[in-house]
């Protein structure tokens, strides 16, 4: 394994358990755990957690509240000078501060520094952004991505959000109910989701229905069109950015699908605006959102081309 790999999925999928198995905090029922050619578990081998060269950043950082930032980092350093590490992570000025006085982003950097002080072969980060408030999560995620690149260490990052997985790692492993259901680049998960679950997790719209040719009768009673004929129970997948919004039914356009709905939420996301409707999510440009004055409670028409939709089988 090289670089940073994100392990993503919903709560209860087994993501954190996977990290604990690797760290030796939970014994596997079977199988093999190896890192950098060294076997940690399997075939009669079971290396104690403290002897595994792992740096573990826990979900809520698990810093010692009575120790300073420097003392927290030095705890696992085995007597080595940690000041160069504090400078490397930009927290030298916080060396004497205790965790209670630090911001969420600062506590995270201290926790990462403590994990690196062990000189690990592998970094494990369990939901490293979950303890942060939404207003600061994006900025801290960007900082963490920079830190992970600078360390040049293999890292496994657990998250339940696709956007965080895509921002922190080039490779994303999606887990569901203890199984890996897809492993690939974030762009692959969006372009070719292996299952309806992966599509929904990645932010794709997933509409369940029964197909007959290019027509799909949705479970809610509406009908939509797809480009490729298919039959049986399917999920229709549409990327949010393939959906356009208007206040009136479009005339003379090439979109075959038009669904009326009520705007529930309007959330700016960088250079896009995510709009939640009844059972649909669209992403439009800020200019488009301003032009039709998008706001909660507004009635709009969501439109997309048949070629923008694909189907996957469902039970």
Foldseek 3Di string as FASTA:
>chain_A
DFFEEEEAAAPQLCQVVVVCCQLLVDPDPADWHDFPRRTCDHPPHHNHNVPAQEQEQEQQRPFDQVAFLQCSLCVQLVPDRLLVVCVVLVNNVRRGPGPVPDALLNSLSSSVSSSCSNVGQEYEYENSQPVHDPVCSVVSLLSVLVVSVVVRHYYYYYDHALVSSLSNDQWYFYGGNHDTQDIGGLVCLCVPNNDPSSLVRSPWQWFKAFFAFQWTQTPVGDIDGADGTDGGIKIKTAHQAQKDKDQDDDDPDQFPDKDKWFWADWDDDVQWIWTDTVRGIHIHGPVSCVVRVDDGGGIIIITGHNHRMDIDHDD
